[in-house]
Amino acid sequence: QVQLVESGGGLVQPGGSLRLSCAASGSMFSFYDMSWYRQAPGKQREWVADIFTGGSTNYADSVKGRFTISRDNAKSTMYLQMNSLKPEDTAVYYCKALGKFWGQGTQVTVSS
């Protein structure tokens, strides 16, 4: 069992930035493939980005060039740096580990 805790969400104006964090339990974090997902009101949860154990990354087209996923294995933490935020980025953001363990989510609201 892997426990995940997201943090860093909040209210930000369009064009602003936020950095989300996902802290994982245990000492095996460096072996976990990790992902970010998001779910907007009334919509299905959608994939945002992956970061693999070797450090390679993938991004959804909707966030490519604006979001950066990273990890600090020493801190068992994954990050999502979100720049140039748009109102359509408003959602609850979730982290996922090993393709099956989910965090509780953190709300991101982009509004003026």
PDB file of N, CA and C in Angstrom:
ATOM      1  N   GLN A   1       0.843  -1.189   0.000  1.00  0.00           N
ATOM      2  CA  GLN A   1       0.000   0.000   0.000  1.00  0.00           C
ATOM      3  C   GLN A   1       0.882   1.244   0.000  1.00  0.00           C
ATOM      4  N   VAL A   2       0.565   2.200  -0.872  1.00  0.00           N
ATOM      5  CA  VAL A   2       1.283   3.469  -0.952  1.00  0.00           C
ATOM      6  C   VAL A   2       0.308   4.583  -0.625  1.00  0.00           C
ATOM      7  N   GLN A   3       0.670   5.417   0.326  1.00  0.00           N
ATOM      8  CA  GLN A   3      -0.165   6.574   0.656  1.00  0.00           C
ATOM      9  C   GLN A   3       0.417   7.817   0.004  1.00  0.00           C
ATOM     10  N   LEU A   4      -0.478   8.606  -0.585  1.00  0.00           N
ATOM     11  CA  LEU A   4      -0.069   9.808  -1.319  1.00  0.00           C
ATOM     12  C   LEU A   4      -0.828  11.012  -0.772  1.00  0.00           C
ATOM     13  N   VAL A   5      -0.121  12.108  -0.565  1.00  0.00           N
ATOM     14  CA  VAL A   5      -0.741  13.330  -0.067  1.00  0.00           C
ATOM     15  C   VAL A   5      -0.347  14.497  -0.963  1.00  0.00           C
ATOM     16  N   GLU A   6      -1.347  15.083  -1.628  1.00  0.00           N
ATOM     17  CA  GLU A   6      -1.111  16.244  -2.477  1.00  0.00           C
ATOM     18  C   GLU A   6      -1.236  17.528  -1.660  1.00  0.00           C
ATOM     19  N   SER A   7      -0.539  18.554  -2.104  1.00  0.00           N
ATOM     20  CA  SER A   7      -0.644  19.882  -1.492  1.00  0.00           C
ATOM     21  C   SER A   7      -0.234  20.925  -2.524  1.00  0.00           C
ATOM     22  N   GLY A   8      -0.515  22.197  -2.187  1.00  0.00           N
ATOM     23  CA  GLY A   8      -0.078  23.285  -3.044  1.00  0.00           C
ATOM     24  C   GLY A   8      -1.150  23.916  -3.904  1.00  0.00           C
ATOM     25  N   GLY A   9      -2.362  23.373  -3.856  1.00  0.00           N
ATOM     26  CA  GLY A   9      -3.433  23.961  -4.641  1.00  0.00           C
ATOM     27  C   GLY A   9      -3.882  25.291  -4.067  1.00  0.00           C
ATOM     28  N   GLY A  10      -4.742  25.968  -4.824  1.00  0.00           N
ATOM     29  CA  GLY A  10      -5.258  27.245  -4.358  1.00  0.00           C
ATOM     30  C   GLY A  10      -5.913  28.019  -5.472  1.00  0.00           C
ATOM     31  N   LEU A  11      -6.164  29.300  -5.199  1.00  0.00           N
ATOM     32  CA  LEU A  11      -6.774  30.208  -6.164  1.00  0.00           C
ATOM     33  C   LEU A  11      -5.681  31.070  -6.786  1.00  0.00           C
ATOM     34  N   VAL A  12      -5.655  31.137  -8.097  1.00  0.00           N
ATOM     35  CA  VAL A  12      -4.647  31.920  -8.793  1.00  0.00           C
ATOM     36  C   VAL A  12      -5.306  32.610  -9.993  1.00  0.00           C
ATOM     37  N   GLN A  13      -4.787  33.765 -10.348  1.00  0.00           N
ATOM     38  CA  GLN A  13      -5.319  34.502 -11.499  1.00  0.00           C
ATOM     39  C   GLN A  13      -4.818  33.885 -12.809  1.00  0.00           C
ATOM     40  N   PRO A  14      -5.564  34.066 -13.876  1.00  0.00           N
ATOM     41  CA  PRO A  14      -5.073  33.604 -15.187  1.00  0.00           C
ATOM     42  C   PRO A  14      -3.688  34.177 -15.481  1.00  0.00           C
ATOM     43  N   GLY A  15      -2.831  33.310 -16.021  1.00  0.00           N
ATOM     44  CA  GLY A  15      -1.447  33.693 -16.282  1.00  0.00           C
ATOM     45  C   GLY A  15      -0.508  33.439 -15.129  1.00  0.00           C
ATOM     46  N   GLY A  16      -1.065  33.095 -13.974  1.00  0.00           N
ATOM     47  CA  GLY A  16      -0.249  32.858 -12.791  1.00  0.00           C
ATOM     48  C   GLY A  16       0.339  31.470 -12.741  1.00  0.00           C
ATOM     49  N   SER A  17       1.012  31.180 -11.627  1.00  0.00           N
ATOM     50  CA  SER A  17       1.700  29.908 -11.448  1.00  0.00           C
ATOM     51  C   SER A  17       1.372  29.298 -10.096  1.00  0.00           C
ATOM     52  N   LEU A  18       1.459  27.979 -10.051  1.00  0.00           N
ATOM     53  CA  LEU A  18       1.353  27.213  -8.812  1.00  0.00           C
ATOM     54  C   LEU A  18       2.285  26.021  -8.919  1.00  0.00           C
ATOM     55  N   ARG A  19       2.753  25.541  -7.758  1.00  0.00           N
ATOM     56  CA  ARG A  19       3.500  24.287  -7.732  1.00  0.00           C
ATOM     57  C   ARG A  19       2.795  23.317  -6.798  1.00  0.00           C
ATOM     58  N   LEU A  20       2.393  22.197  -7.353  1.00  0.00           N
ATOM     59  CA  LEU A  20       1.770  21.133  -6.569  1.00  0.00           C
ATOM     60  C   LEU A  20       2.838  20.141  -6.115  1.00  0.00           C
ATOM     61  N   SER A  21       2.604  19.550  -4.954  1.00  0.00           N
ATOM     62  CA  SER A  21       3.484  18.513  -4.427  1.00  0.00           C
ATOM     63  C   SER A  21       2.669  17.259  -4.140  1.00  0.00           C
ATOM     64  N   CYS A  22       3.321  16.121  -4.245  1.00  0.00           N
ATOM     65  CA  CYS A  22       2.712  14.837  -3.905  1.00  0.00           C
ATOM     66  C   CYS A  22       3.740  14.053  -3.094  1.00  0.00           C
ATOM     67  N   ALA A  23       3.475  13.916  -1.806  1.00  0.00           N
ATOM     68  CA  ALA A  23       4.381  13.188  -0.915  1.00  0.00           C
ATOM     69  C   ALA A  23       3.928  11.745  -0.786  1.00  0.00           C
ATOM     70  N   ALA A  24       4.862  10.823  -0.962  1.00  0.00           N
ATOM     71  CA  ALA A  24       4.553   9.396  -0.919  1.00  0.00           C
ATOM     72  C   ALA A  24       5.113   8.749   0.336  1.00  0.00           C
ATOM     73  N   SER A  25       4.395   7.749   0.828  1.00  0.00           N
ATOM     74  CA  SER A  25       4.870   7.002   1.990  1.00  0.00           C
ATOM     75  C   SER A  25       5.879   5.943   1.566  1.00  0.00           C
ATOM     76  N   GLY A  26       6.614   5.439   2.535  1.00  0.00           N
ATOM     77  CA  GLY A  26       7.527   4.343   2.271  1.00  0.00           C
ATOM     78  C   GLY A  26       8.876   4.805   1.766  1.00  0.00           C
ATOM     79  N   SER A  27       9.731   3.829   1.557  1.00  0.00           N
ATOM     80  CA  SER A  27      11.117   4.116   1.169  1.00  0.00           C
ATOM     81  C   SER A  27      11.449   3.665  -0.244  1.00  0.00           C
ATOM     82  N   MET A  28      10.405   3.277  -0.991  1.00  0.00           N
ATOM     83  CA  MET A  28      10.629   2.726  -2.326  1.00  0.00           C
ATOM     84  C   MET A  28      10.236   3.693  -3.439  1.00  0.00           C
ATOM     85  N   PHE A  29      10.104   4.971  -3.086  1.00  0.00           N
ATOM     86  CA  PHE A  29       9.584   5.957  -4.044  1.00  0.00           C
ATOM     87  C   PHE A  29      10.371   5.978  -5.342  1.00  0.00           C
ATOM     88  N   SER A  30      11.660   5.807  -5.270  1.00  0.00           N
ATOM     89  CA  SER A  30      12.479   5.902  -6.487  1.00  0.00           C
ATOM     90  C   SER A  30      12.126   4.819  -7.499  1.00  0.00           C
ATOM     91  N   PHE A  31      11.413   3.786  -7.074  1.00  0.00           N
ATOM     92  CA  PHE A  31      11.012   2.701  -7.961  1.00  0.00           C
ATOM     93  C   PHE A  31       9.598   2.874  -8.519  1.00  0.00           C
ATOM     94  N   TYR A  32       8.941   3.979  -8.147  1.00  0.00           N
ATOM     95  CA  TYR A  32       7.551   4.188  -8.558  1.00  0.00           C
ATOM     96  C   TYR A  32       7.481   5.025  -9.829  1.00  0.00           C
ATOM     97  N   ASP A  33       6.735   4.547 -10.831  1.00  0.00           N
ATOM     98  CA  ASP A  33       6.286   5.432 -11.898  1.00  0.00           C
ATOM     99  C   ASP A  33       5.132   6.263 -11.336  1.00  0.00           C
ATOM    100  N   MET A  34       5.155   7.561 -11.603  1.00  0.00           N
ATOM    101  CA  MET A  34       4.193   8.482 -11.001  1.00  0.00           C
ATOM    102  C   MET A  34       3.469   9.290 -12.067  1.00  0.00           C
ATOM    103  N   SER A  35       2.266   9.728 -11.724  1.00  0.00           N
ATOM    104  CA  SER A  35       1.464  10.498 -12.671  1.00  0.00           C
ATOM    105  C   SER A  35       0.667  11.579 -11.951  1.00  0.00           C
ATOM    106  N   TRP A  36       0.312  12.605 -12.700  1.00  0.00           N
ATOM    107  CA  TRP A  36      -0.683  13.590 -12.282  1.00  0.00           C
ATOM    108  C   TRP A  36      -1.916  13.446 -13.163  1.00  0.00           C
ATOM    109  N   TYR A  37      -3.073  13.562 -12.553  1.00  0.00           N
ATOM    110  CA  TYR A  37      -4.357  13.591 -13.229  1.00  0.00           C
ATOM    111  C   TYR A  37      -5.124  14.798 -12.696  1.00  0.00           C
ATOM    112  N   ARG A  38      -6.200  15.140 -13.399  1.00  0.00           N
ATOM    113  CA  ARG A  38      -7.075  16.198 -12.915  1.00  0.00           C
ATOM    114  C   ARG A  38      -8.519  15.899 -13.305  1.00  0.00           C
ATOM    115  N   GLN A  39      -9.432  16.464 -12.505  1.00  0.00           N
ATOM    116  CA  GLN A  39     -10.855  16.294 -12.780  1.00  0.00           C
ATOM    117  C   GLN A  39     -11.559  17.624 -12.573  1.00  0.00           C
ATOM    118  N   ALA A  40     -12.087  18.149 -13.673  1.00  0.00           N
ATOM    119  CA  ALA A  40     -12.847  19.392 -13.627  1.00  0.00           C
ATOM    120  C   ALA A  40     -14.294  19.082 -13.280  1.00  0.00           C
ATOM    121  N   PRO A  41     -15.031  20.067 -12.761  1.00  0.00           N
ATOM    122  CA  PRO A  41     -16.436  19.836 -12.404  1.00  0.00           C
ATOM    123  C   PRO A  41     -17.234  19.325 -13.596  1.00  0.00           C
ATOM    124  N   GLY A  42     -17.955  18.249 -13.398  1.00  0.00           N
ATOM    125  CA  GLY A  42     -18.808  17.707 -14.438  1.00  0.00           C
ATOM    126  C   GLY A  42     -18.091  16.955 -15.535  1.00  0.00           C
ATOM    127  N   LYS A  43     -16.784  16.750 -15.371  1.00  0.00           N
ATOM    128  CA  LYS A  43     -15.999  16.070 -16.410  1.00  0.00           C
ATOM    129  C   LYS A  43     -15.316  14.835 -15.841  1.00  0.00           C
ATOM    130  N   GLN A  44     -14.877  13.967 -16.748  1.00  0.00           N
ATOM    131  CA  GLN A  44     -14.144  12.783 -16.328  1.00  0.00           C
ATOM    132  C   GLN A  44     -12.719  13.159 -15.938  1.00  0.00           C
ATOM    133  N   ARG A  45     -12.149  12.335 -15.076  1.00  0.00           N
ATOM    134  CA  ARG A  45     -10.751  12.534 -14.705  1.00  0.00           C
ATOM    135  C   ARG A  45      -9.869  12.327 -15.930  1.00  0.00           C
ATOM    136  N   GLU A  46      -8.880  13.212 -16.111  1.00  0.00           N
ATOM    137  CA  GLU A  46      -8.015  13.111 -17.281  1.00  0.00           C
ATOM    138  C   GLU A  46      -6.550  13.114 -16.863  1.00  0.00           C
ATOM    139  N   TRP A  47      -5.767  12.432 -17.647  1.00  0.00           N
ATOM    140  CA  TRP A  47      -4.333  12.343 -17.424  1.00  0.00           C
ATOM    141  C   TRP A  47      -3.666  13.667 -17.778  1.00  0.00           C
ATOM    142  N   VAL A  48      -2.686  14.072 -16.970  1.00  0.00           N
ATOM    143  CA  VAL A  48      -1.963  15.318 -17.193  1.00  0.00           C
ATOM    144  C   VAL A  48      -0.507  15.051 -17.574  1.00  0.00           C
ATOM    145  N   ALA A  49       0.183  14.240 -16.779  1.00  0.00           N
ATOM    146  CA  ALA A  49       1.613  14.016 -17.020  1.00  0.00           C
ATOM    147  C   ALA A  49       2.088  12.775 -16.281  1.00  0.00           C
ATOM    148  N   ASP A  50       3.174  12.181 -16.804  1.00  0.00           N
ATOM    149  CA  ASP A  50       3.851  11.051 -16.180  1.00  0.00           C
ATOM    150  C   ASP A  50       5.304  11.401 -15.937  1.00  0.00           C
ATOM    151  N   ILE A  51       5.864  10.785 -14.889  1.00  0.00           N
ATOM    152  CA  ILE A  51       7.315  10.768 -14.734  1.00  0.00           C
ATOM    153  C   ILE A  51       7.709   9.371 -14.293  1.00  0.00           C
ATOM    154  N   PHE A  52       8.673   8.803 -14.992  1.00  0.00           N
ATOM    155  CA  PHE A  52       9.048   7.421 -14.775  1.00  0.00           C
ATOM    156  C   PHE A  52      10.305   7.341 -13.903  1.00  0.00           C
ATOM    157  N   THR A  53      10.625   6.106 -13.504  1.00  0.00           N
ATOM    158  CA  THR A  53      11.729   5.934 -12.565  1.00  0.00           C
ATOM    159  C   THR A  53      13.050   6.434 -13.134  1.00  0.00           C
ATOM    160  N   GLY A  54      13.210   6.362 -14.434  1.00  0.00           N
ATOM    161  CA  GLY A  54      14.438   6.847 -15.047  1.00  0.00           C
ATOM    162  C   GLY A  54      14.469   8.343 -15.272  1.00  0.00           C
ATOM    163  N   GLY A  55      13.331   9.004 -14.992  1.00  0.00           N
ATOM    164  CA  GLY A  55      13.258  10.453 -15.131  1.00  0.00           C
ATOM    165  C   GLY A  55      12.600  10.939 -16.404  1.00  0.00           C
ATOM    166  N   SER A  56      12.273  10.038 -17.308  1.00  0.00           N
ATOM    167  CA  SER A  56      11.599  10.480 -18.530  1.00  0.00           C
ATOM    168  C   SER A  56      10.182  10.935 -18.205  1.00  0.00           C
ATOM    169  N   THR A  57       9.659  11.808 -19.069  1.00  0.00           N
ATOM    170  CA  THR A  57       8.358  12.428 -18.810  1.00  0.00           C
ATOM    171  C   THR A  57       7.485  12.423 -20.057  1.00  0.00           C
ATOM    172  N   ASN A  58       6.184  12.474 -19.829  1.00  0.00           N
ATOM    173  CA  ASN A  58       5.197  12.649 -20.891  1.00  0.00           C
ATOM    174  C   ASN A  58       4.173  13.660 -20.421  1.00  0.00           C
ATOM    175  N   TYR A  59       3.596  14.405 -21.369  1.00  0.00           N
ATOM    176  CA  TYR A  59       2.601  15.415 -21.033  1.00  0.00           C
ATOM    177  C   TYR A  59       1.403  15.327 -21.972  1.00  0.00           C
ATOM    178  N   ALA A  60       0.239  15.657 -21.437  1.00  0.00           N
ATOM    179  CA  ALA A  60      -0.930  15.850 -22.277  1.00  0.00           C
ATOM    180  C   ALA A  60      -0.713  17.089 -23.126  1.00  0.00           C
ATOM    181  N   ASP A  61      -1.268  17.072 -24.331  1.00  0.00           N
ATOM    182  CA  ASP A  61      -1.086  18.215 -25.238  1.00  0.00           C
ATOM    183  C   ASP A  61      -1.596  19.517 -24.626  1.00  0.00           C
ATOM    184  N   SER A  62      -2.634  19.418 -23.811  1.00  0.00           N
ATOM    185  CA  SER A  62      -3.252  20.618 -23.245  1.00  0.00           C
ATOM    186  C   SER A  62      -2.349  21.361 -22.256  1.00  0.00           C
ATOM    187  N   VAL A  63      -1.323  20.680 -21.731  1.00  0.00           N
ATOM    188  CA  VAL A  63      -0.451  21.315 -20.737  1.00  0.00           C
ATOM    189  C   VAL A  63       1.002  21.397 -21.198  1.00  0.00           C
ATOM    190  N   LYS A  64       1.309  20.795 -22.327  1.00  0.00           N
ATOM    191  CA  LYS A  64       2.692  20.764 -22.813  1.00  0.00           C
ATOM    192  C   LYS A  64       3.220  22.174 -23.019  1.00  0.00           C
ATOM    193  N   GLY A  65       4.413  22.424 -22.488  1.00  0.00           N
ATOM    194  CA  GLY A  65       5.018  23.741 -22.602  1.00  0.00           C
ATOM    195  C   GLY A  65       4.655  24.686 -21.472  1.00  0.00           C
ATOM    196  N   ARG A  66       3.648  24.323 -20.674  1.00  0.00           N
ATOM    197  CA  ARG A  66       3.241  25.163 -19.543  1.00  0.00           C
ATOM    198  C   ARG A  66       3.481  24.477 -18.197  1.00  0.00           C
ATOM    199  N   PHE A  67       3.332  23.172 -18.159  1.00  0.00           N
ATOM    200  CA  PHE A  67       3.496  22.406 -16.918  1.00  0.00           C
ATOM    201  C   PHE A  67       4.794  21.608 -16.975  1.00  0.00           C
ATOM    202  N   THR A  68       5.424  21.438 -15.815  1.00  0.00           N
ATOM    203  CA  THR A  68       6.626  20.620 -15.710  1.00  0.00           C
ATOM    204  C   THR A  68       6.494  19.665 -14.532  1.00  0.00           C
ATOM    205  N   ILE A  69       6.629  18.381 -14.813  1.00  0.00           N
ATOM    206  CA  ILE A  69       6.593  17.364 -13.771  1.00  0.00           C
ATOM    207  C   ILE A  69       8.022  17.030 -13.369  1.00  0.00           C
ATOM    208  N   SER A  70       8.223  16.823 -12.085  1.00  0.00           N
ATOM    209  CA  SER A  70       9.557  16.480 -11.594  1.00  0.00           C
ATOM    210  C   SER A  70       9.421  15.642 -10.328  1.00  0.00           C
ATOM    211  N   ARG A  71      10.546  15.107  -9.874  1.00  0.00           N
ATOM    212  CA  ARG A  71      10.533  14.287  -8.664  1.00  0.00           C
ATOM    213  C   ARG A  71      11.827  14.476  -7.893  1.00  0.00           C
ATOM    214  N   ASP A  72      11.719  14.321  -6.581  1.00  0.00           N
ATOM    215  CA  ASP A  72      12.879  14.323  -5.696  1.00  0.00           C
ATOM    216  C   ASP A  72      12.830  13.021  -4.921  1.00  0.00           C
ATOM    217  N   ASN A  73      13.595  12.047  -5.357  1.00  0.00           N
ATOM    218  CA  ASN A  73      13.534  10.729  -4.736  1.00  0.00           C
ATOM    219  C   ASN A  73      13.997  10.754  -3.281  1.00  0.00           C
ATOM    220  N   ALA A  74      14.910  11.644  -2.954  1.00  0.00           N
ATOM    221  CA  ALA A  74      15.388  11.737  -1.569  1.00  0.00           C
ATOM    222  C   ALA A  74      14.286  12.189  -0.621  1.00  0.00           C
ATOM    223  N   LYS A  75      13.326  12.951  -1.154  1.00  0.00           N
ATOM    224  CA  LYS A  75      12.204  13.443  -0.347  1.00  0.00           C
ATOM    225  C   LYS A  75      10.924  12.652  -0.597  1.00  0.00           C
ATOM    226  N   SER A  76      10.997  11.631  -1.446  1.00  0.00           N
ATOM    227  CA  SER A  76       9.810  10.832  -1.789  1.00  0.00           C
ATOM    228  C   SER A  76       8.664  11.729  -2.230  1.00  0.00           C
ATOM    229  N   THR A  77       8.973  12.709  -3.056  1.00  0.00           N
ATOM    230  CA  THR A  77       7.987  13.712  -3.455  1.00  0.00           C
ATOM    231  C   THR A  77       8.048  13.965  -4.952  1.00  0.00           C
ATOM    232  N   MET A  78       6.878  14.115  -5.535  1.00  0.00           N
ATOM    233  CA  MET A  78       6.732  14.496  -6.931  1.00  0.00           C
ATOM    234  C   MET A  78       6.128  15.897  -6.980  1.00  0.00           C
ATOM    235  N   TYR A  79       6.447  16.633  -8.029  1.00  0.00           N
ATOM    236  CA  TYR A  79       5.973  18.010  -8.164  1.00  0.00           C
ATOM    237  C   TYR A  79       5.309  18.221  -9.522  1.00  0.00           C
ATOM    238  N   LEU A  80       4.457  19.240  -9.579  1.00  0.00           N
ATOM    239  CA  LEU A  80       3.927  19.716 -10.845  1.00  0.00           C
ATOM    240  C   LEU A  80       3.990  21.232 -10.822  1.00  0.00           C
ATOM    241  N   GLN A  81       4.931  21.779 -11.572  1.00  0.00           N
ATOM    242  CA  GLN A  81       5.040  23.230 -11.718  1.00  0.00           C
ATOM    243  C   GLN A  81       4.100  23.650 -12.840  1.00  0.00           C
ATOM    244  N   MET A  82       3.159  24.511 -12.512  1.00  0.00           N
ATOM    245  CA  MET A  82       2.143  24.933 -13.471  1.00  0.00           C
ATOM    246  C   MET A  82       2.299  26.430 -13.724  1.00  0.00           C
ATOM    247  N   ASN A  83       2.630  26.782 -14.956  1.00  0.00           N
ATOM    248  CA  ASN A  83       2.794  28.183 -15.363  1.00  0.00           C
ATOM    249  C   ASN A  83       1.745  28.548 -16.398  1.00  0.00           C
ATOM    250  N   SER A  84       1.585  29.847 -16.608  1.00  0.00           N
ATOM    251  CA  SER A  84       0.633  30.348 -17.612  1.00  0.00           C
ATOM    252  C   SER A  84      -0.733  29.690 -17.450  1.00  0.00           C
ATOM    253  N   LEU A  85      -1.211  29.668 -16.242  1.00  0.00           N
ATOM    254  CA  LEU A  85      -2.465  28.973 -15.951  1.00  0.00           C
ATOM    255  C   LEU A  85      -3.647  29.640 -16.618  1.00  0.00           C
ATOM    256  N   LYS A  86      -4.596  28.795 -17.029  1.00  0.00           N
ATOM    257  CA  LYS A  86      -5.806  29.239 -17.725  1.00  0.00           C
ATOM    258  C   LYS A  86      -7.032  28.816 -16.909  1.00  0.00           C
ATOM    259  N   PRO A  87      -8.154  29.492 -17.101  1.00  0.00           N
ATOM    260  CA  PRO A  87      -9.363  29.077 -16.381  1.00  0.00           C
ATOM    261  C   PRO A  87      -9.713  27.609 -16.610  1.00  0.00           C
ATOM    262  N   GLU A  88      -9.408  27.101 -17.798  1.00  0.00           N
ATOM    263  CA  GLU A  88      -9.721  25.691 -18.089  1.00  0.00           C
ATOM    264  C   GLU A  88      -8.805  24.711 -17.368  1.00  0.00           C
ATOM    265  N   ASP A  89      -7.797  25.193 -16.670  1.00  0.00           N
ATOM    266  CA  ASP A  89      -6.973  24.330 -15.820  1.00  0.00           C
ATOM    267  C   ASP A  89      -7.621  24.108 -14.452  1.00  0.00           C
ATOM    268  N   THR A  90      -8.714  24.807 -14.182  1.00  0.00           N
ATOM    269  CA  THR A  90      -9.417  24.624 -12.915  1.00  0.00           C
ATOM    270  C   THR A  90      -9.886  23.182 -12.763  1.00  0.00           C
ATOM    271  N   ALA A  91      -9.486  22.544 -11.666  1.00  0.00           N
ATOM    272  CA  ALA A  91      -9.803  21.129 -11.440  1.00  0.00           C
ATOM    273  C   ALA A  91      -9.264  20.707 -10.082  1.00  0.00           C
ATOM    274  N   VAL A  92      -9.674  19.525  -9.665  1.00  0.00           N
ATOM    275  CA  VAL A  92      -8.996  18.854  -8.568  1.00  0.00           C
ATOM    276  C   VAL A  92      -7.868  18.034  -9.173  1.00  0.00           C
ATOM    277  N   TYR A  93      -6.667  18.226  -8.665  1.00  0.00           N
ATOM    278  CA  TYR A  93      -5.485  17.545  -9.187  1.00  0.00           C
ATOM    279  C   TYR A  93      -5.116  16.389  -8.255  1.00  0.00           C
ATOM    280  N   TYR A  94      -4.898  15.231  -8.869  1.00  0.00           N
ATOM    281  CA  TYR A  94      -4.586  14.012  -8.134  1.00  0.00           C
ATOM    282  C   TYR A  94      -3.237  13.454  -8.569  1.00  0.00           C
ATOM    283  N   CYS A  95      -2.512  12.878  -7.636  1.00  0.00           N
ATOM    284  CA  CYS A  95      -1.335  12.110  -8.018  1.00  0.00           C
ATOM    285  C   CYS A  95      -1.644  10.621  -7.929  1.00  0.00           C
ATOM    286  N   LYS A  96      -0.900   9.861  -8.708  1.00  0.00           N
ATOM    287  CA  LYS A  96      -1.115   8.418  -8.823  1.00  0.00           C
ATOM    288  C   LYS A  96       0.232   7.727  -8.852  1.00  0.00           C
ATOM    289  N   ALA A  97       0.331   6.617  -8.137  1.00  0.00           N
ATOM    290  CA  ALA A  97       1.572   5.857  -8.083  1.00  0.00           C
ATOM    291  C   ALA A  97       1.351   4.433  -8.550  1.00  0.00           C
ATOM    292  N   LEU A  98       2.302   3.933  -9.278  1.00  0.00           N
ATOM    293  CA  LEU A  98       2.303   2.525  -9.701  1.00  0.00           C
ATOM    294  C   LEU A  98       1.042   2.139 -10.456  1.00  0.00           C
ATOM    295  N   GLY A  99       0.386   3.123 -11.028  1.00  0.00           N
ATOM    296  CA  GLY A  99      -0.794   2.854 -11.833  1.00  0.00           C
ATOM    297  C   GLY A  99      -2.035   2.492 -11.050  1.00  0.00           C
ATOM    298  N   LYS A 100      -1.973   2.573  -9.697  1.00  0.00           N
ATOM    299  CA  LYS A 100      -3.154   2.135  -8.947  1.00  0.00           C
ATOM    300  C   LYS A 100      -3.412   2.872  -7.637  1.00  0.00           C
ATOM    301  N   PHE A 101      -2.454   3.535  -7.053  1.00  0.00           N
ATOM    302  CA  PHE A 101      -2.673   4.227  -5.785  1.00  0.00           C
ATOM    303  C   PHE A 101      -2.906   5.715  -6.035  1.00  0.00           C
ATOM    304  N   TRP A 102      -3.966   6.255  -5.412  1.00  0.00           N
ATOM    305  CA  TRP A 102      -4.355   7.641  -5.636  1.00  0.00           C
ATOM    306  C   TRP A 102      -4.231   8.445  -4.345  1.00  0.00           C
ATOM    307  N   GLY A 103      -3.935   9.734  -4.506  1.00  0.00           N
ATOM    308  CA  GLY A 103      -4.044  10.667  -3.407  1.00  0.00           C
ATOM    309  C   GLY A 103      -5.463  11.189  -3.298  1.00  0.00           C
ATOM    310  N   GLN A 104      -5.665  12.109  -2.334  1.00  0.00           N
ATOM    311  CA  GLN A 104      -7.015  12.623  -2.079  1.00  0.00           C
ATOM    312  C   GLN A 104      -7.347  13.826  -2.950  1.00  0.00           C
ATOM    313  N   GLY A 105      -6.348  14.411  -3.570  1.00  0.00           N
ATOM    314  CA  GLY A 105      -6.566  15.537  -4.473  1.00  0.00           C
ATOM    315  C   GLY A 105      -6.351  16.884  -3.822  1.00  0.00           C
ATOM    316  N   THR A 106      -6.025  17.870  -4.651  1.00  0.00           N
ATOM    317  CA  THR A 106      -5.886  19.252  -4.208  1.00  0.00           C
ATOM    318  C   THR A 106      -6.550  20.149  -5.246  1.00  0.00           C
ATOM    319  N   GLN A 107      -7.328  21.123  -4.776  1.00  0.00           N
ATOM    320  CA  GLN A 107      -8.117  21.968  -5.672  1.00  0.00           C
ATOM    321  C   GLN A 107      -7.253  23.086  -6.250  1.00  0.00           C
ATOM    322  N   VAL A 108      -7.339  23.252  -7.551  1.00  0.00           N
ATOM    323  CA  VAL A 108      -6.720  24.387  -8.244  1.00  0.00           C
ATOM    324  C   VAL A 108      -7.827  25.168  -8.931  1.00  0.00           C
ATOM    325  N   THR A 109      -7.919  26.446  -8.622  1.00  0.00           N
ATOM    326  CA  THR A 109      -8.919  27.315  -9.235  1.00  0.00           C
ATOM    327  C   THR A 109      -8.212  28.489  -9.891  1.00  0.00           C
ATOM    328  N   VAL A 110      -8.459  28.651 -11.195  1.00  0.00           N
ATOM    329  CA  VAL A 110      -7.862  29.739 -11.960  1.00  0.00           C
ATOM    330  C   VAL A 110      -8.983  30.702 -12.341  1.00  0.00           C
ATOM    331  N   SER A 111      -8.956  31.869 -11.720  1.00  0.00           N
ATOM    332  CA  SER A 111     -10.048  32.820 -11.920  1.00  0.00           C
ATOM    333  C   SER A 111      -9.583  34.216 -11.556  1.00  0.00           C
ATOM    334  N   SER A 112     -10.136  35.198 -12.251  1.00  0.00           N
ATOM    335  CA  SER A 112      -9.851  36.583 -11.905  1.00  0.00           C
ATOM    336  C   SER A 112     -10.899  37.120 -10.948  1.00  0.00           C
TER     337      SER A 112
END
